[in-house]
Amino acid sequence: MSNYKEIKTRQQFDSIPFHVADQSGEDLLFFQIPPLTDFIDKISKDELVLDIGCGTGRTTLYMLNKGLQVVGLEISYKSLELIRGEFPAQLVQATNIELPLGTGTVDVAISDGVIPYTDDPYKALSETLRSLKSGGRALVAVYKRNHFYYYAYTYAGGLMRFINNYSIGAKLLTSIALPAYHFARNILRRNRKSSLNKSKALFYSYFMSPKISFFTKTQVMEWVNTLGAECTDYEPCDGWSAHVFIINKA
């Protein structure tokens, strides 16, 4: 049964899909965290990959361009509508805390920045590992606690989410806060300026999501051990505000 947070998260990504990359290989590469591209490069073409929280297909398409077999899973109906039929991947609408897959179905799973948006992060990690075959591996990226983004989301984002409940507040966000974010982002990106629609997708995902969870490295490592798996590699990815874990299933 869908809970309040799941419903609100789905509604948000249905109204403003996380559509931040063009279909070009260069743009798709730019939006991947470095450990993810390294991880994908080691996947063989006879392995089946589950892309959890595929959104509008950014990582899914990147893998398809490399000739990999991919199943994309996404909570947002609208996101899947935007890409269904655009490229040859099986697309499934579902939540990551109830994967509609049998145990030991896939060789590789990718959960890049998806678990923080779920109401039960431990269950989401458990489901990710359950989907893997014995000897399978997963890349799991989650947001860091006590990083700059944690404070930006909690305090600045908290204020914006509060005023967004009122019509005048929502208008202020779209007329002032969003353009300011778009301007600042393009200043920082310099030669890789993006459209307002891309900035809007990022702004609402990063700051307006109903609740985002943040984690310590120790917390996630303890969960992995409790679930009987092994973390074989870890990258801090400070520039992306993320912990990135490579996990093997026994």
Protein backbone atom coordinates (compact mmCIF):
# COMPACT_ATOMS: atom_id res chain seq x y z
CA MET A 1 0.00 0.00 0.00
CA SER A 2 1.29 3.45 -0.91
CA ASN A 3 2.12 5.72 2.02
CA TYR A 4 1.92 9.50 2.13
CA LYS A 5 5.58 10.10 1.31
CA GLU A 6 5.52 7.67 -1.62
CA ILE A 7 2.41 9.35 -3.04
CA LYS A 8 3.90 12.84 -2.67
CA THR A 9 7.20 11.75 -4.22
CA ARG A 10 5.40 10.18 -7.19
CA GLN A 11 3.26 13.30 -7.63
CA GLN A 12 6.33 15.51 -7.64
CA PHE A 13 8.21 13.52 -10.26
CA ASP A 14 5.04 13.15 -12.32
CA SER A 15 4.61 16.92 -12.37
CA ILE A 16 8.32 17.73 -12.84
CA PRO A 17 10.19 14.66 -14.16
CA PHE A 18 13.91 14.46 -13.39
CA HIS A 19 14.80 15.14 -17.04
CA VAL A 20 18.27 16.68 -16.85
CA ALA A 21 20.28 15.05 -19.67
CA ASP A 22 19.99 15.27 -23.43
CA GLN A 23 20.12 12.12 -25.52
CA SER A 24 23.70 12.87 -26.57
CA GLY A 25 26.46 10.64 -25.26
CA GLU A 26 28.46 13.62 -24.01
CA ASP A 27 25.60 14.96 -21.87
CA LEU A 28 24.74 11.52 -20.56
CA LEU A 29 28.36 11.01 -19.52
CA PHE A 30 28.53 14.42 -17.81
CA PHE A 31 25.63 13.60 -15.49
CA GLN A 32 27.09 10.32 -14.20
CA ILE A 33 29.11 10.22 -10.99
CA PRO A 34 32.64 8.93 -11.78
CA PRO A 35 32.33 5.67 -9.77
CA LEU A 36 29.17 4.85 -11.73
CA THR A 37 30.80 5.10 -15.14
CA ASP A 38 33.71 2.95 -13.88
CA PHE A 39 31.21 0.42 -12.51
CA ILE A 40 29.26 0.29 -15.78
CA ASP A 41 32.44 -0.21 -17.81
CA LYS A 42 32.98 -3.51 -15.95
CA ILE A 43 29.53 -4.94 -16.76
CA SER A 44 29.54 -7.60 -19.47
CA LYS A 45 26.96 -7.73 -22.26
CA ASP A 46 25.58 -11.09 -21.12
CA GLU A 47 24.61 -9.71 -17.70
CA LEU A 48 21.15 -8.31 -16.88
CA VAL A 49 21.18 -4.90 -15.18
CA LEU A 50 18.42 -3.38 -13.05
CA ASP A 51 18.44 0.44 -13.07
CA ILE A 52 16.42 1.36 -9.96
CA GLY A 53 14.90 4.83 -10.13
CA CYS A 54 15.72 5.21 -13.81
CA GLY A 55 13.76 8.48 -14.13
CA THR A 56 13.74 9.59 -17.75
CA GLY A 57 16.42 7.09 -18.69
CA ARG A 58 19.66 8.99 -18.16
CA THR A 59 21.70 6.01 -16.92
CA THR A 60 19.55 3.43 -18.72
CA LEU A 61 20.32 5.00 -22.09
CA TYR A 62 24.00 5.36 -21.22
CA MET A 63 24.13 1.59 -20.61
CA LEU A 64 22.07 0.75 -23.70
CA ASN A 65 24.52 2.74 -25.80
CA LYS A 66 27.19 0.35 -24.50
CA GLY A 67 25.17 -2.66 -25.63
CA LEU A 68 24.05 -3.77 -22.15
CA GLN A 69 20.79 -5.50 -21.22
CA VAL A 70 18.81 -3.19 -18.95
CA VAL A 71 15.54 -3.18 -17.02
CA GLY A 72 14.52 0.31 -15.89
CA LEU A 73 12.38 0.72 -12.78
CA GLU A 74 10.76 4.04 -11.83
CA ILE A 75 8.06 5.26 -9.44
CA SER A 76 6.89 8.09 -11.74
CA TYR A 77 4.31 7.27 -14.43
CA LYS A 78 5.07 10.51 -16.28
CA SER A 79 8.82 9.86 -16.44
CA LEU A 80 8.24 6.47 -18.03
CA GLU A 81 5.71 7.93 -20.48
CA LEU A 82 8.38 10.33 -21.70
CA ILE A 83 10.78 7.54 -22.63
CA ARG A 84 8.62 4.48 -23.31
CA GLY A 85 9.26 3.35 -26.86
CA GLU A 86 12.27 5.64 -27.24
CA PHE A 87 14.87 2.94 -26.65
CA PRO A 88 14.94 -0.86 -26.24
CA ALA A 89 14.70 -1.46 -22.50
CA GLN A 90 12.02 -3.08 -20.39
CA LEU A 91 10.47 -0.35 -18.25
CA VAL A 92 8.58 -1.08 -15.03
CA GLN A 93 6.56 1.32 -12.88
CA ALA A 94 7.09 0.38 -9.22
CA THR A 95 8.60 1.50 -5.93
CA ASN A 96 12.03 0.36 -4.81
CA ILE A 97 10.75 -0.94 -1.47
CA GLU A 98 8.60 -3.53 -3.28
CA LEU A 99 10.53 -4.60 -6.35
CA PRO A 100 8.28 -6.64 -8.67
CA LEU A 101 11.09 -9.11 -9.34
CA GLY A 102 11.83 -12.56 -8.07
CA THR A 103 14.73 -13.20 -5.72
CA GLY A 104 18.02 -13.61 -7.60
CA THR A 105 16.73 -12.21 -10.89
CA VAL A 106 19.46 -9.81 -12.05
CA ASP A 107 23.25 -9.86 -12.22
CA VAL A 108 23.77 -6.17 -11.49
CA ALA A 109 21.70 -3.49 -9.74
CA ILE A 110 22.20 0.26 -9.76
CA SER A 111 20.56 2.53 -7.19
CA ASP A 112 22.05 5.96 -7.78
CA GLY A 113 20.64 8.54 -5.36
CA VAL A 114 17.28 6.78 -5.10
CA ILE A 115 17.23 5.26 -1.60
CA PRO A 116 17.26 8.71 0.10
CA TYR A 117 13.82 9.46 -1.38
CA THR A 118 12.15 6.35 0.04
CA ASP A 119 10.25 6.07 3.31
CA ASP A 120 12.10 2.90 4.36
CA PRO A 121 15.75 3.12 3.22
CA TYR A 122 16.76 -0.15 4.89
CA LYS A 123 13.95 -2.02 3.11
CA ALA A 124 14.97 -0.40 -0.18
CA LEU A 125 18.54 -1.62 0.26
CA SER A 126 17.29 -5.05 1.26
CA GLU A 127 15.12 -5.25 -1.87
CA THR A 128 18.02 -4.15 -4.05
CA LEU A 129 20.19 -6.98 -2.71
CA ARG A 130 17.32 -9.48 -2.86
CA SER A 131 16.99 -8.89 -6.60
CA LEU A 132 20.61 -9.94 -7.18
CA LYS A 133 21.74 -13.40 -8.11
CA SER A 134 24.29 -15.04 -5.85
CA GLY A 135 27.60 -13.39 -6.69
CA GLY A 136 25.80 -10.36 -8.14
CA ARG A 137 26.86 -6.82 -7.38
CA ALA A 138 25.23 -3.47 -6.80
CA LEU A 139 26.23 0.16 -6.88
CA VAL A 140 24.38 2.13 -4.22
CA ALA A 141 24.76 5.90 -3.87
CA VAL A 142 23.16 7.82 -0.99
CA TYR A 143 23.43 11.39 0.26
CA LYS A 144 25.90 12.23 3.01
CA ARG A 145 24.84 13.44 6.40
CA ASN A 146 26.64 16.56 7.69
CA HIS A 147 27.60 17.61 4.17
CA PHE A 148 26.75 21.04 2.71
CA TYR A 149 23.75 19.63 0.85
CA TYR A 150 22.33 18.19 4.08
CA TYR A 151 22.16 21.68 5.60
CA ALA A 152 20.93 23.29 2.35
CA TYR A 153 18.07 20.80 2.05
CA THR A 154 17.19 20.85 5.75
CA TYR A 155 17.17 24.60 6.35
CA ALA A 156 16.91 26.50 3.05
CA GLY A 157 14.87 23.71 1.52
CA GLY A 158 12.72 23.44 4.63
CA LEU A 159 11.78 27.10 4.36
CA MET A 160 11.01 26.78 0.64
CA ARG A 161 8.88 23.67 1.18
CA PHE A 162 6.93 25.53 3.86
CA ILE A 163 6.16 28.61 1.77
CA ASN A 164 5.37 26.40 -1.23
CA ASN A 165 2.22 25.33 0.64
CA TYR A 166 0.77 28.78 -0.04
CA SER A 167 -0.10 30.12 -3.48
CA ILE A 168 1.88 33.34 -3.06
CA GLY A 169 4.84 31.35 -1.74
CA ALA A 170 4.75 29.00 -4.73
CA LYS A 171 4.76 32.03 -7.04
CA LEU A 172 7.76 33.51 -5.22
CA LEU A 173 9.65 30.25 -5.66
CA THR A 174 9.04 30.09 -9.40
CA SER A 175 9.65 33.80 -9.98
CA ILE A 176 12.63 34.39 -7.65
CA ALA A 177 14.20 31.27 -6.09
CA LEU A 178 14.19 29.11 -9.23
CA PRO A 179 15.66 31.81 -11.55
CA ALA A 180 18.32 32.57 -8.91
CA TYR A 181 19.23 28.87 -8.70
CA HIS A 182 19.33 28.62 -12.50
CA PHE A 183 21.59 31.69 -12.76
CA ALA A 184 23.98 30.49 -10.04
CA ARG A 185 24.13 26.99 -11.51
CA ASN A 186 25.05 28.28 -14.96
CA ILE A 187 27.71 30.57 -13.50
CA LEU A 188 29.30 27.57 -11.79
CA ARG A 189 28.99 25.37 -14.87
CA ARG A 190 30.56 28.00 -17.16
CA ASN A 191 30.86 26.27 -20.53
CA ARG A 192 28.12 23.71 -19.82
CA LYS A 193 25.12 25.95 -19.34
CA SER A 194 21.75 24.25 -19.09
CA SER A 195 18.17 25.19 -19.89
CA LEU A 196 15.74 26.52 -17.32
CA ASN A 197 13.78 23.25 -17.55
CA LYS A 198 16.85 21.23 -16.52
CA SER A 199 17.54 23.57 -13.63
CA LYS A 200 13.89 23.31 -12.60
CA ALA A 201 14.06 19.50 -12.52
CA LEU A 202 17.16 19.65 -10.30
CA PHE A 203 15.78 22.42 -8.07
CA TYR A 204 12.56 20.58 -7.29
CA SER A 205 14.29 17.23 -6.84
CA TYR A 206 17.04 18.54 -4.56
CA PHE A 207 15.07 21.02 -2.47
CA MET A 208 11.32 20.46 -2.83
CA SER A 209 11.12 16.69 -2.37
CA PRO A 210 8.88 15.96 0.66
CA LYS A 211 11.61 14.20 2.60
CA ILE A 212 15.17 13.21 1.75
CA SER A 213 17.21 11.02 4.10
CA PHE A 214 20.93 11.46 4.71
CA PHE A 215 23.34 8.78 5.93
CA THR A 216 26.72 8.16 7.48
CA LYS A 217 29.13 5.69 5.92
CA THR A 218 29.04 3.56 9.09
CA GLN A 219 25.24 3.35 9.03
CA VAL A 220 25.12 1.96 5.49
CA MET A 221 28.03 -0.42 6.09
CA GLU A 222 26.20 -1.84 9.12
CA TRP A 223 23.08 -2.39 7.01
CA VAL A 224 25.11 -4.18 4.33
CA ASN A 225 26.65 -6.49 6.93
CA THR A 226 23.27 -7.17 8.56
CA LEU A 227 21.87 -8.17 5.17
CA GLY A 228 24.67 -10.70 4.70
CA ALA A 229 26.41 -8.88 1.85
CA GLU A 230 29.89 -7.40 1.52
CA CYS A 231 30.98 -3.88 0.63
CA THR A 232 33.96 -4.36 -1.69
CA ASP A 233 34.61 -0.72 -2.54
CA TYR A 234 33.68 2.75 -1.35
CA GLU A 235 34.04 6.24 -2.84
CA PRO A 236 33.30 9.39 -0.80
CA CYS A 237 32.36 11.57 -3.83
CA ASP A 238 32.40 14.83 -1.88
CA GLY A 239 31.68 16.91 -4.97
CA TRP A 240 28.42 15.00 -5.45
CA SER A 241 27.46 14.99 -1.73
CA ALA A 242 27.31 11.21 -1.91
CA HIS A 243 28.55 7.99 -0.41
CA VAL A 244 29.02 5.40 -3.17
CA PHE A 245 29.18 1.72 -2.21
CA ILE A 246 29.97 -1.30 -4.38
CA ILE A 247 28.25 -4.27 -2.76
CA ASN A 248 28.60 -7.96 -3.55
CA LYS A 249 25.97 -10.54 -2.70
CA ALA A 250 27.26 -13.85 -1.38
